[in-house]
Amino acid sequence: MADIKGLKNVGIIGAGRIAHSLVPALIKAGYKVASVSGASKESVKSLVTKNKIKNSSATIADTIKECGIIFIALPDHAIEQAASEIARAKNLKGKLFIHLSGSKTVASLKALSRKGGAAAGIHIMQTFPGRRPVTVKGCYASVEGNSSSSKSAARKIASDLGTIPFYIEGDEKMLLHIMCVFASNFINAGYYNALLLHRKIKSKIPPVEKLLYPLSITNLNNIKNEGIFNSLSGPIARKDYDTVNAHLDKLFALGRKEDKIKDVLESYTIQTLSLLAMNAEAKGKIKNVNSTKLNSGRNRNEGNKGRQK
C-alpha cells in the first residue's frame, strides 16, 4: 500500500448519520474530501453542501477513481455487498478501504483485498443519532486491518481525527460492540422503562428526560472517577432487600393490568440480578454480605419471574 501521506484524497461511500460527523472531522484534520456518493441524493446533497465539497454528484465509480482513501460509511448489512460491487472496478491496488462498523470485521472487505486493495476497520465509539455533526475528539476507536501497513494507516487516520485508537482482533470485535450497546443503547431502554412508569404518575412532575438526567450524569461521572464497583449506590449497595421486594411487588401489581409493565418488571428483575452478582463480586464473592437476605432477594426475583409465565 502506498504511504498514507500520498493518500490525502478521501472519498465517502454513504451519506448517512456517521458520514455527517466523519466528513467535517476529516476536513478539520487536514484531509481533502474529494468525492461523496450514496443511494440518497438528498443526503449526499446535504453532506456536500454543508461541507463545501466540490464533487456533489459522484457515483461510486467516480469516488473510487478519484480517491486513495475510501470510507464505506454504510449500515452493517450493506458492507459486504458494497465491497463486492466496488471490487468490479479496476485499479484498486494501493487504495485503502475503511469500513466503520462496530460488529463487522475487516473480513467483510475480503472482496477488495482479493483485488489488491488494502482493507481496514475503524469503529469510533460514539453515538450518532442524526445528521447533526457529533464530535469524535476524545472518543476511543478500535482499529483492525488486513495487514500491518493497513492497520498502521487506519490507526494514523483515527489519531488524526482526534480519537484514541487501539488495535483489536477480529474475533473479539463483536464482544466490544455488545459492550457499547450496554453502555449506550440500553440506557435509552432504561429511560423508556422509566417513561412507562412516569405515565402512571398523576402528579405533575418534570419530563422523564429532564427529571433523571442529573442522576444519570452523576452516576456516569462516579463510574469514571471511582470505578464500576465503588460507584454502586441504591438499595442493592445498602443491602436494602425489603425495598427491592417492594419495587417488585408494585411492578407485579401493575403488570397484571398492563403488558408493557410486565416488560418493565422483567427488565427490573434482570438488572437486579446483575446488581446482586456485581455487589457479591465487589464484596469478595459474598464475603461480609448477609447471605440470607442476599438469597432472599434473589429468590424473590426468581419467584416473580415465574409468576409472569
C-alpha atoms as a PDB file:
ATOM      1  CA  MET A   1       0.000   0.000   0.000  1.00  0.00           C
ATOM      2  CA  ALA A   2       1.180   3.497  -0.785  1.00  0.00           C
ATOM      3  CA  ASP A   3       2.315   5.770   2.037  1.00  0.00           C
ATOM      4  CA  ILE A   4      -0.693   7.358   3.716  1.00  0.00           C
ATOM      5  CA  LYS A   5       0.879  10.781   3.122  1.00  0.00           C
ATOM      6  CA  GLY A   6       0.128  10.281  -0.551  1.00  0.00           C
ATOM      7  CA  LEU A   7      -3.476   9.275   0.096  1.00  0.00           C
ATOM      8  CA  LYS A   8      -4.962  12.504   1.408  1.00  0.00           C
ATOM      9  CA  ASN A   9      -7.686  12.465  -1.251  1.00  0.00           C
ATOM     10  CA  VAL A  10     -10.658  10.925   0.574  1.00  0.00           C
ATOM     11  CA  GLY A  11     -13.885   9.504  -0.766  1.00  0.00           C
ATOM     12  CA  ILE A  12     -17.023   8.655   1.171  1.00  0.00           C
ATOM     13  CA  ILE A  13     -19.478   5.955   0.133  1.00  0.00           C
ATOM     14  CA  GLY A  14     -22.657   6.542   2.096  1.00  0.00           C
ATOM     15  CA  ALA A  15     -24.100   9.835   3.327  1.00  0.00           C
ATOM     16  CA  GLY A  16     -25.941   8.805   6.457  1.00  0.00           C
ATOM     17  CA  ARG A  17     -25.601   9.704  10.118  1.00  0.00           C
ATOM     18  CA  ILE A  18     -21.967   8.829  10.715  1.00  0.00           C
ATOM     19  CA  ALA A  19     -20.856  10.426   7.430  1.00  0.00           C
ATOM     20  CA  HIS A  20     -22.252  13.774   8.579  1.00  0.00           C
ATOM     21  CA  SER A  21     -19.880  13.641  11.567  1.00  0.00           C
ATOM     22  CA  LEU A  22     -16.949  11.942   9.836  1.00  0.00           C
ATOM     23  CA  VAL A  23     -16.621  14.373   6.931  1.00  0.00           C
ATOM     24  CA  PRO A  24     -16.188  17.582   8.984  1.00  0.00           C
ATOM     25  CA  ALA A  25     -13.765  15.744  11.270  1.00  0.00           C
ATOM     26  CA  LEU A  26     -11.683  14.636   8.274  1.00  0.00           C
ATOM     27  CA  ILE A  27     -11.638  18.148   6.809  1.00  0.00           C
ATOM     28  CA  LYS A  28     -10.617  19.617  10.151  1.00  0.00           C
ATOM     29  CA  ALA A  29      -7.810  17.042  10.342  1.00  0.00           C
ATOM     30  CA  GLY A  30      -6.444  18.231   7.002  1.00  0.00           C
ATOM     31  CA  TYR A  31      -7.811  15.559   4.679  1.00  0.00           C
ATOM     32  CA  LYS A  32      -9.321  16.547   1.352  1.00  0.00           C
ATOM     33  CA  VAL A  33     -12.758  15.002   0.972  1.00  0.00           C
ATOM     34  CA  ALA A  34     -12.978  14.995  -2.799  1.00  0.00           C
ATOM     35  CA  SER A  35     -15.975  12.800  -3.505  1.00  0.00           C
ATOM     36  CA  VAL A  36     -19.195  11.614  -1.867  1.00  0.00           C
ATOM     37  CA  SER A  37     -21.560   9.008  -3.255  1.00  0.00           C
ATOM     38  CA  GLY A  38     -24.659   7.396  -1.828  1.00  0.00           C
ATOM     39  CA  ALA A  39     -28.083   5.981  -2.545  1.00  0.00           C
ATOM     40  CA  SER A  40     -29.921   9.037  -1.234  1.00  0.00           C
ATOM     41  CA  LYS A  41     -29.359  12.085  -3.430  1.00  0.00           C
ATOM     42  CA  GLU A  42     -30.887  14.261  -0.713  1.00  0.00           C
ATOM     43  CA  SER A  43     -28.409  13.027   1.912  1.00  0.00           C
ATOM     44  CA  VAL A  44     -25.463  13.402  -0.469  1.00  0.00           C
ATOM     45  CA  LYS A  45     -26.520  16.954  -1.354  1.00  0.00           C
ATOM     46  CA  SER A  46     -26.912  17.842   2.325  1.00  0.00           C
ATOM     47  CA  LEU A  47     -23.473  16.460   3.163  1.00  0.00           C
ATOM     48  CA  VAL A  48     -21.571  18.122   0.317  1.00  0.00           C
ATOM     49  CA  THR A  49     -23.372  21.451   0.743  1.00  0.00           C
ATOM     50  CA  LYS A  50     -22.683  21.681   4.464  1.00  0.00           C
ATOM     51  CA  ASN A  51     -19.019  20.823   3.968  1.00  0.00           C
ATOM     52  CA  LYS A  52     -18.438  22.632   0.651  1.00  0.00           C
ATOM     53  CA  ILE A  53     -17.325  19.529  -1.191  1.00  0.00           C
ATOM     54  CA  LYS A  54     -16.793  20.064  -4.908  1.00  0.00           C
ATOM     55  CA  ASN A  55     -18.000  16.754  -6.285  1.00  0.00           C
ATOM     56  CA  SER A  56     -21.673  16.596  -5.340  1.00  0.00           C
ATOM     57  CA  SER A  57     -22.950  14.107  -7.929  1.00  0.00           C
ATOM     58  CA  ALA A  58     -20.350  11.400  -7.691  1.00  0.00           C
ATOM     59  CA  THR A  59     -21.083   7.786  -8.446  1.00  0.00           C
ATOM     60  CA  ILE A  60     -19.297   5.032  -6.559  1.00  0.00           C
ATOM     61  CA  ALA A  61     -17.107   4.529  -9.623  1.00  0.00           C
ATOM     62  CA  ASP A  62     -16.120   8.233  -9.530  1.00  0.00           C
ATOM     63  CA  THR A  63     -15.315   8.016  -5.843  1.00  0.00           C
ATOM     64  CA  ILE A  64     -13.059   5.004  -6.313  1.00  0.00           C
ATOM     65  CA  LYS A  65     -11.302   6.508  -9.325  1.00  0.00           C
ATOM     66  CA  GLU A  66     -10.559   9.882  -7.717  1.00  0.00           C
ATOM     67  CA  CYS A  67      -9.630   8.849  -4.174  1.00  0.00           C
ATOM     68  CA  GLY A  68      -6.906   6.905  -2.419  1.00  0.00           C
ATOM     69  CA  ILE A  69      -8.719   6.519   0.905  1.00  0.00           C
ATOM     70  CA  ILE A  70     -12.319   5.357   0.660  1.00  0.00           C
ATOM     71  CA  PHE A  71     -14.579   5.169   3.699  1.00  0.00           C
ATOM     72  CA  ILE A  72     -17.502   2.768   3.404  1.00  0.00           C
ATOM     73  CA  ALA A  73     -19.973   4.526   5.688  1.00  0.00           C
ATOM     74  CA  LEU A  74     -22.862   2.134   5.209  1.00  0.00           C
ATOM     75  CA  PRO A  75     -25.074   0.064   7.526  1.00  0.00           C
ATOM     76  CA  ASP A  76     -23.519  -3.219   8.622  1.00  0.00           C
ATOM     77  CA  HIS A  77     -25.778  -5.347   6.423  1.00  0.00           C
ATOM     78  CA  ALA A  78     -24.718  -3.439   3.286  1.00  0.00           C
ATOM     79  CA  ILE A  79     -20.935  -3.519   3.692  1.00  0.00           C
ATOM     80  CA  GLU A  80     -20.131  -6.883   2.103  1.00  0.00           C
ATOM     81  CA  GLN A  81     -22.433  -6.263  -0.855  1.00  0.00           C
ATOM     82  CA  ALA A  82     -20.877  -2.842  -1.386  1.00  0.00           C
ATOM     83  CA  ALA A  83     -17.392  -4.363  -1.239  1.00  0.00           C
ATOM     84  CA  SER A  84     -18.356  -6.908  -3.899  1.00  0.00           C
ATOM     85  CA  GLU A  85     -19.696  -4.147  -6.148  1.00  0.00           C
ATOM     86  CA  ILE A  86     -16.600  -1.992  -5.645  1.00  0.00           C
ATOM     87  CA  ALA A  87     -14.376  -4.985  -6.432  1.00  0.00           C
ATOM     88  CA  ARG A  88     -15.645  -4.917 -10.023  1.00  0.00           C
ATOM     89  CA  ALA A  89     -13.756  -1.679 -10.577  1.00  0.00           C
ATOM     90  CA  LYS A  90     -10.215  -1.614 -11.951  1.00  0.00           C
ATOM     91  CA  ASN A  91      -7.020  -0.388 -10.325  1.00  0.00           C
ATOM     92  CA  LEU A  92      -7.820  -0.960  -6.657  1.00  0.00           C
ATOM     93  CA  LYS A  93      -4.213  -1.663  -5.798  1.00  0.00           C
ATOM     94  CA  GLY A  94      -2.706   0.927  -3.481  1.00  0.00           C
ATOM     95  CA  LYS A  95      -6.074   2.202  -2.298  1.00  0.00           C
ATOM     96  CA  LEU A  96      -7.169   1.969   1.330  1.00  0.00           C
ATOM     97  CA  PHE A  97     -10.763   0.955   2.053  1.00  0.00           C
ATOM     98  CA  ILE A  98     -12.086   1.529   5.573  1.00  0.00           C
ATOM     99  CA  HIS A  99     -15.428   0.454   6.979  1.00  0.00           C
ATOM    100  CA  LEU A 100     -16.828   1.986  10.164  1.00  0.00           C
ATOM    101  CA  SER A 101     -18.804  -0.928  11.565  1.00  0.00           C
ATOM    102  CA  GLY A 102     -18.579  -1.948  15.203  1.00  0.00           C
ATOM    103  CA  SER A 103     -19.740  -5.520  14.617  1.00  0.00           C
ATOM    104  CA  LYS A 104     -18.270  -6.373  11.196  1.00  0.00           C
ATOM    105  CA  THR A 105     -14.611  -7.320  10.903  1.00  0.00           C
ATOM    106  CA  VAL A 106     -12.163  -6.472   8.147  1.00  0.00           C
ATOM    107  CA  ALA A 107     -13.057  -9.851   6.604  1.00  0.00           C
ATOM    108  CA  SER A 108     -16.214  -8.166   5.284  1.00  0.00           C
ATOM    109  CA  LEU A 109     -13.938  -6.352   2.812  1.00  0.00           C
ATOM    110  CA  LYS A 110     -12.223  -9.507   1.549  1.00  0.00           C
ATOM    111  CA  ALA A 111     -13.568  -8.924  -1.975  1.00  0.00           C
ATOM    112  CA  LEU A 112     -11.458  -5.758  -2.095  1.00  0.00           C
ATOM    113  CA  SER A 113      -8.386  -7.431  -0.610  1.00  0.00           C
ATOM    114  CA  ARG A 114      -8.507 -10.036  -3.355  1.00  0.00           C
ATOM    115  CA  LYS A 115      -8.334  -7.244  -5.948  1.00  0.00           C
ATOM    116  CA  GLY A 116      -5.250  -5.683  -4.333  1.00  0.00           C
ATOM    117  CA  GLY A 117      -6.970  -3.100  -2.152  1.00  0.00           C
ATOM    118  CA  ALA A 118      -5.849  -2.548   1.435  1.00  0.00           C
ATOM    119  CA  ALA A 119      -8.654  -3.059   3.961  1.00  0.00           C
ATOM    120  CA  ALA A 120      -9.197  -1.742   7.454  1.00  0.00           C
ATOM    121  CA  GLY A 121     -11.892  -1.016  10.005  1.00  0.00           C
ATOM    122  CA  ILE A 122     -12.236   1.957  12.339  1.00  0.00           C
ATOM    123  CA  HIS A 123     -15.046   1.784  14.863  1.00  0.00           C
ATOM    124  CA  ILE A 124     -15.499   5.126  16.605  1.00  0.00           C
ATOM    125  CA  MET A 125     -17.083   4.509  19.991  1.00  0.00           C
ATOM    126  CA  GLN A 126     -19.555   7.358  19.820  1.00  0.00           C
ATOM    127  CA  THR A 127     -23.288   7.656  19.228  1.00  0.00           C
ATOM    128  CA  PHE A 128     -24.550   9.323  16.043  1.00  0.00           C
ATOM    129  CA  PRO A 129     -28.296   9.953  16.493  1.00  0.00           C
ATOM    130  CA  GLY A 130     -28.825  12.132  13.418  1.00  0.00           C
ATOM    131  CA  ARG A 131     -27.250  14.300  10.735  1.00  0.00           C
ATOM    132  CA  ARG A 132     -26.143  16.948  13.208  1.00  0.00           C
ATOM    133  CA  PRO A 133     -22.326  16.620  13.435  1.00  0.00           C
ATOM    134  CA  VAL A 134     -21.161  14.935  16.624  1.00  0.00           C
ATOM    135  CA  THR A 135     -17.605  15.439  17.845  1.00  0.00           C
ATOM    136  CA  VAL A 136     -15.399  12.376  17.814  1.00  0.00           C
ATOM    137  CA  LYS A 137     -12.453  14.035  19.525  1.00  0.00           C
ATOM    138  CA  GLY A 138     -11.506  12.191  22.686  1.00  0.00           C
ATOM    139  CA  CYS A 139     -13.572   9.109  21.798  1.00  0.00           C
ATOM    140  CA  TYR A 140     -11.952   5.694  21.694  1.00  0.00           C
ATOM    141  CA  ALA A 141     -11.740   3.924  18.340  1.00  0.00           C
ATOM    142  CA  SER A 142     -10.977   0.270  17.675  1.00  0.00           C
ATOM    143  CA  VAL A 143      -8.752  -0.389  14.667  1.00  0.00           C
ATOM    144  CA  GLU A 144      -8.098  -3.501  12.604  1.00  0.00           C
ATOM    145  CA  GLY A 145      -6.623  -4.206   9.199  1.00  0.00           C
ATOM    146  CA  ASN A 146      -5.765  -6.968   6.756  1.00  0.00           C
ATOM    147  CA  SER A 147      -2.041  -6.178   7.006  1.00  0.00           C
ATOM    148  CA  SER A 148       0.363  -4.375   9.293  1.00  0.00           C
ATOM    149  CA  SER A 149       0.518  -1.421   6.887  1.00  0.00           C
ATOM    150  CA  SER A 150      -3.263  -1.052   6.624  1.00  0.00           C
ATOM    151  CA  LYS A 151      -3.566  -1.273  10.423  1.00  0.00           C
ATOM    152  CA  SER A 152      -0.924   1.409  10.859  1.00  0.00           C
ATOM    153  CA  ALA A 153      -2.591   3.634   8.266  1.00  0.00           C
ATOM    154  CA  ALA A 154      -6.006   3.246   9.872  1.00  0.00           C
ATOM    155  CA  ARG A 155      -4.567   3.978  13.304  1.00  0.00           C
ATOM    156  CA  LYS A 156      -2.917   7.131  11.937  1.00  0.00           C
ATOM    157  CA  ILE A 157      -6.203   8.335  10.433  1.00  0.00           C
ATOM    158  CA  ALA A 158      -8.089   7.576  13.652  1.00  0.00           C
ATOM    159  CA  SER A 159      -5.488   9.539  15.600  1.00  0.00           C
ATOM    160  CA  ASP A 160      -5.692  12.454  13.144  1.00  0.00           C
ATOM    161  CA  LEU A 161      -9.442  12.564  13.736  1.00  0.00           C
ATOM    162  CA  GLY A 162      -8.761  13.180  17.409  1.00  0.00           C
ATOM    163  CA  THR A 163      -9.875   9.769  18.615  1.00  0.00           C
ATOM    164  CA  ILE A 164      -7.887   7.478  20.913  1.00  0.00           C
ATOM    165  CA  PRO A 165      -7.163   4.423  18.734  1.00  0.00           C
ATOM    166  CA  PHE A 166      -6.390   0.884  19.850  1.00  0.00           C
ATOM    167  CA  TYR A 167      -5.987  -2.380  17.972  1.00  0.00           C
ATOM    168  CA  ILE A 168      -8.468  -5.216  18.364  1.00  0.00           C
ATOM    169  CA  GLU A 169      -8.559  -8.762  16.993  1.00  0.00           C
ATOM    170  CA  GLY A 170     -11.416  -9.552  14.651  1.00  0.00           C
ATOM    171  CA  ASP A 171     -12.878 -12.381  16.751  1.00  0.00           C
ATOM    172  CA  GLU A 172     -13.093 -10.046  19.766  1.00  0.00           C
ATOM    173  CA  LYS A 173     -14.792  -7.184  17.979  1.00  0.00           C
ATOM    174  CA  MET A 174     -18.354  -8.431  18.478  1.00  0.00           C
ATOM    175  CA  LEU A 175     -17.848  -8.522  22.246  1.00  0.00           C
ATOM    176  CA  LEU A 176     -16.679  -4.911  22.177  1.00  0.00           C
ATOM    177  CA  HIS A 177     -19.745  -3.923  20.180  1.00  0.00           C
ATOM    178  CA  ILE A 178     -22.051  -5.612  22.692  1.00  0.00           C
ATOM    179  CA  MET A 179     -20.273  -3.677  25.437  1.00  0.00           C
ATOM    180  CA  CYS A 180     -21.072  -0.470  23.565  1.00  0.00           C
ATOM    181  CA  VAL A 181     -24.735  -1.432  23.348  1.00  0.00           C
ATOM    182  CA  PHE A 182     -24.845  -1.899  27.123  1.00  0.00           C
ATOM    183  CA  ALA A 183     -23.224   1.499  27.681  1.00  0.00           C
ATOM    184  CA  SER A 184     -25.289   3.388  25.122  1.00  0.00           C
ATOM    185  CA  ASN A 185     -28.470   1.901  23.652  1.00  0.00           C
ATOM    186  CA  PHE A 186     -29.563   0.125  26.819  1.00  0.00           C
ATOM    187  CA  ILE A 187     -29.534   3.470  28.620  1.00  0.00           C
ATOM    188  CA  ASN A 188     -32.297   4.501  26.196  1.00  0.00           C
ATOM    189  CA  ALA A 189     -34.129   1.283  27.058  1.00  0.00           C
ATOM    190  CA  GLY A 190     -33.838   2.125  30.751  1.00  0.00           C
ATOM    191  CA  TYR A 191     -35.263   5.580  30.122  1.00  0.00           C
ATOM    192  CA  TYR A 192     -38.111   4.042  28.128  1.00  0.00           C
ATOM    193  CA  ASN A 193     -38.975   1.814  31.100  1.00  0.00           C
ATOM    194  CA  ALA A 194     -38.849   4.904  33.307  1.00  0.00           C
ATOM    195  CA  LEU A 195     -41.145   6.701  30.829  1.00  0.00           C
ATOM    196  CA  LEU A 196     -43.720   3.915  31.085  1.00  0.00           C
ATOM    197  CA  LEU A 197     -43.751   4.344  34.866  1.00  0.00           C
ATOM    198  CA  HIS A 198     -43.742   8.136  34.524  1.00  0.00           C
ATOM    199  CA  ARG A 199     -47.050   7.855  32.633  1.00  0.00           C
ATOM    200  CA  LYS A 200     -48.566   6.125  35.657  1.00  0.00           C
ATOM    201  CA  ILE A 201     -47.862   9.105  37.914  1.00  0.00           C
ATOM    202  CA  LYS A 202     -50.770  11.548  38.005  1.00  0.00           C
ATOM    203  CA  SER A 203     -48.891  14.250  39.910  1.00  0.00           C
ATOM    204  CA  LYS A 204     -47.373  16.971  37.757  1.00  0.00           C
ATOM    205  CA  ILE A 205     -43.656  16.164  37.610  1.00  0.00           C
ATOM    206  CA  PRO A 206     -40.898  17.156  35.129  1.00  0.00           C
ATOM    207  CA  PRO A 207     -40.446  15.195  31.877  1.00  0.00           C
ATOM    208  CA  VAL A 208     -38.555  11.957  32.420  1.00  0.00           C
ATOM    209  CA  GLU A 209     -35.515  13.086  30.387  1.00  0.00           C
ATOM    210  CA  LYS A 210     -35.011  16.212  32.479  1.00  0.00           C
ATOM    211  CA  LEU A 211     -36.001  14.557  35.731  1.00  0.00           C
ATOM    212  CA  LEU A 212     -33.463  11.703  35.534  1.00  0.00           C
ATOM    213  CA  TYR A 213     -30.652  13.343  33.562  1.00  0.00           C
ATOM    214  CA  PRO A 214     -28.761  14.787  36.586  1.00  0.00           C
ATOM    215  CA  LEU A 215     -28.911  11.382  38.272  1.00  0.00           C
ATOM    216  CA  SER A 216     -27.562   9.628  35.173  1.00  0.00           C
ATOM    217  CA  ILE A 217     -24.755  12.134  34.627  1.00  0.00           C
ATOM    218  CA  THR A 218     -23.660  11.968  38.267  1.00  0.00           C
ATOM    219  CA  ASN A 219     -23.645   8.181  38.141  1.00  0.00           C
ATOM    220  CA  LEU A 220     -21.587   8.126  34.932  1.00  0.00           C
ATOM    221  CA  ASN A 221     -19.089  10.561  36.448  1.00  0.00           C
ATOM    222  CA  ASN A 222     -18.878   8.386  39.555  1.00  0.00           C
ATOM    223  CA  ILE A 223     -18.218   5.323  37.389  1.00  0.00           C
ATOM    224  CA  LYS A 224     -15.482   7.227  35.541  1.00  0.00           C
ATOM    225  CA  ASN A 225     -13.823   8.529  38.702  1.00  0.00           C
ATOM    226  CA  GLU A 226     -14.472   5.747  41.232  1.00  0.00           C
ATOM    227  CA  GLY A 227     -14.859   2.647  39.076  1.00  0.00           C
ATOM    228  CA  ILE A 228     -17.824   0.357  38.455  1.00  0.00           C
ATOM    229  CA  PHE A 229     -17.886  -1.279  41.868  1.00  0.00           C
ATOM    230  CA  ASN A 230     -17.125   1.696  44.116  1.00  0.00           C
ATOM    231  CA  SER A 231     -19.742   3.879  42.438  1.00  0.00           C
ATOM    232  CA  LEU A 232     -22.633   1.500  43.082  1.00  0.00           C
ATOM    233  CA  SER A 233     -25.375   3.038  45.230  1.00  0.00           C
ATOM    234  CA  GLY A 234     -29.036   2.371  45.880  1.00  0.00           C
ATOM    235  CA  PRO A 235     -30.871  -0.432  47.691  1.00  0.00           C
ATOM    236  CA  ILE A 236     -28.608  -3.270  46.479  1.00  0.00           C
ATOM    237  CA  ALA A 237     -25.475  -1.496  47.695  1.00  0.00           C
ATOM    238  CA  ARG A 238     -27.211  -0.843  51.016  1.00  0.00           C
ATOM    239  CA  LYS A 239     -28.444  -4.441  51.209  1.00  0.00           C
ATOM    240  CA  ASP A 240     -31.938  -2.995  51.484  1.00  0.00           C
ATOM    241  CA  TYR A 241     -33.743  -6.011  50.058  1.00  0.00           C
ATOM    242  CA  ASP A 242     -37.083  -5.001  51.545  1.00  0.00           C
ATOM    243  CA  THR A 243     -37.108  -2.020  49.183  1.00  0.00           C
ATOM    244  CA  VAL A 244     -36.172  -4.223  46.227  1.00  0.00           C
ATOM    245  CA  ASN A 245     -39.027  -6.575  47.047  1.00  0.00           C
ATOM    246  CA  ALA A 246     -41.405  -3.633  47.419  1.00  0.00           C
ATOM    247  CA  HIS A 247     -40.402  -2.468  43.930  1.00  0.00           C
ATOM    248  CA  LEU A 248     -41.087  -5.940  42.559  1.00  0.00           C
ATOM    249  CA  ASP A 249     -44.471  -6.128  44.281  1.00  0.00           C
ATOM    250  CA  LYS A 250     -45.515  -2.762  42.838  1.00  0.00           C
ATOM    251  CA  LEU A 251     -44.432  -3.689  39.323  1.00  0.00           C
ATOM    252  CA  PHE A 252     -46.078  -7.094  39.574  1.00  0.00           C
ATOM    253  CA  ALA A 253     -49.376  -5.498  40.613  1.00  0.00           C
ATOM    254  CA  LEU A 254     -49.249  -3.003  37.732  1.00  0.00           C
ATOM    255  CA  GLY A 255     -48.167  -5.732  35.326  1.00  0.00           C
ATOM    256  CA  ARG A 256     -51.388  -7.619  35.950  1.00  0.00           C
ATOM    257  CA  LYS A 257     -53.244  -4.746  34.285  1.00  0.00           C
ATOM    258  CA  GLU A 258     -50.801  -3.800  31.523  1.00  0.00           C
ATOM    259  CA  ASP A 259     -48.478  -5.956  29.443  1.00  0.00           C
ATOM    260  CA  LYS A 260     -45.916  -3.181  28.961  1.00  0.00           C
ATOM    261  CA  ILE A 261     -45.364  -3.037  32.715  1.00  0.00           C
ATOM    262  CA  LYS A 262     -44.727  -6.791  32.679  1.00  0.00           C
ATOM    263  CA  ASP A 263     -41.804  -5.977  30.387  1.00  0.00           C
ATOM    264  CA  VAL A 264     -40.625  -3.341  32.871  1.00  0.00           C
ATOM    265  CA  LEU A 265     -40.814  -5.955  35.636  1.00  0.00           C
ATOM    266  CA  GLU A 266     -38.771  -8.386  33.571  1.00  0.00           C
ATOM    267  CA  SER A 267     -36.150  -5.726  32.857  1.00  0.00           C
ATOM    268  CA  TYR A 268     -36.013  -4.678  36.520  1.00  0.00           C
ATOM    269  CA  THR A 269     -35.588  -8.312  37.577  1.00  0.00           C
ATOM    270  CA  ILE A 270     -32.739  -8.976  35.138  1.00  0.00           C
ATOM    271  CA  GLN A 271     -30.935  -5.769  36.089  1.00  0.00           C
ATOM    272  CA  THR A 272     -31.390  -6.534  39.801  1.00  0.00           C
ATOM    273  CA  LEU A 273     -29.865  -9.970  39.387  1.00  0.00           C
ATOM    274  CA  SER A 274     -26.879  -8.342  37.642  1.00  0.00           C
ATOM    275  CA  LEU A 275     -26.522  -5.862  40.515  1.00  0.00           C
ATOM    276  CA  LEU A 276     -26.696  -8.690  43.048  1.00  0.00           C
ATOM    277  CA  ALA A 277     -23.914 -10.545  41.230  1.00  0.00           C
ATOM    278  CA  MET A 278     -21.908  -7.328  40.911  1.00  0.00           C
ATOM    279  CA  ASN A 279     -22.301  -6.483  44.584  1.00  0.00           C
ATOM    280  CA  ALA A 280     -21.287 -10.009  45.526  1.00  0.00           C
ATOM    281  CA  GLU A 281     -18.119  -9.719  43.414  1.00  0.00           C
ATOM    282  CA  ALA A 282     -17.336  -6.332  44.902  1.00  0.00           C
ATOM    283  CA  LYS A 283     -17.604  -7.837  48.386  1.00  0.00           C
ATOM    284  CA  GLY A 284     -15.324 -10.748  47.536  1.00  0.00           C
ATOM    285  CA  LYS A 285     -17.766 -13.402  46.409  1.00  0.00           C
ATOM    286  CA  ILE A 286     -20.410 -12.715  49.068  1.00  0.00           C
ATOM    287  CA  LYS A 287     -17.908 -12.296  51.895  1.00  0.00           C
ATOM    288  CA  ASN A 288     -19.230  -9.901  54.546  1.00  0.00           C
ATOM    289  CA  VAL A 289     -22.642  -9.925  52.897  1.00  0.00           C
ATOM    290  CA  ASN A 290     -25.699 -11.207  54.722  1.00  0.00           C
ATOM    291  CA  SER A 291     -26.246 -14.327  52.614  1.00  0.00           C
ATOM    292  CA  THR A 292     -29.762 -14.885  53.973  1.00  0.00           C
ATOM    293  CA  LYS A 293     -31.005 -11.522  52.721  1.00  0.00           C
ATOM    294  CA  LEU A 294     -28.997 -11.819  49.515  1.00  0.00           C
ATOM    295  CA  ASN A 295     -30.600 -15.166  48.717  1.00  0.00           C
ATOM    296  CA  SER A 296     -33.979 -13.843  49.833  1.00  0.00           C
ATOM    297  CA  GLY A 297     -33.723 -11.021  47.316  1.00  0.00           C
ATOM    298  CA  ARG A 298     -32.565 -13.385  44.574  1.00  0.00           C
ATOM    299  CA  ASN A 299     -35.300 -15.958  45.271  1.00  0.00           C
ATOM    300  CA  ARG A 300     -37.964 -13.264  45.359  1.00  0.00           C
ATOM    301  CA  ASN A 301     -36.826 -12.066  41.930  1.00  0.00           C
ATOM    302  CA  GLU A 302     -36.931 -15.582  40.524  1.00  0.00           C
ATOM    303  CA  GLY A 303     -40.370 -16.099  42.032  1.00  0.00           C
ATOM    304  CA  ASN A 304     -41.737 -13.008  40.364  1.00  0.00           C
ATOM    305  CA  LYS A 305     -40.259 -14.145  37.059  1.00  0.00           C
ATOM    306  CA  GLY A 306     -42.044 -17.445  37.479  1.00  0.00           C
ATOM    307  CA  ARG A 307     -45.343 -15.763  38.260  1.00  0.00           C
ATOM    308  CA  GLN A 308     -45.215 -13.915  34.944  1.00  0.00           C
ATOM    309  CA  LYS A 309     -45.126 -17.075  32.838  1.00  0.00           C
END
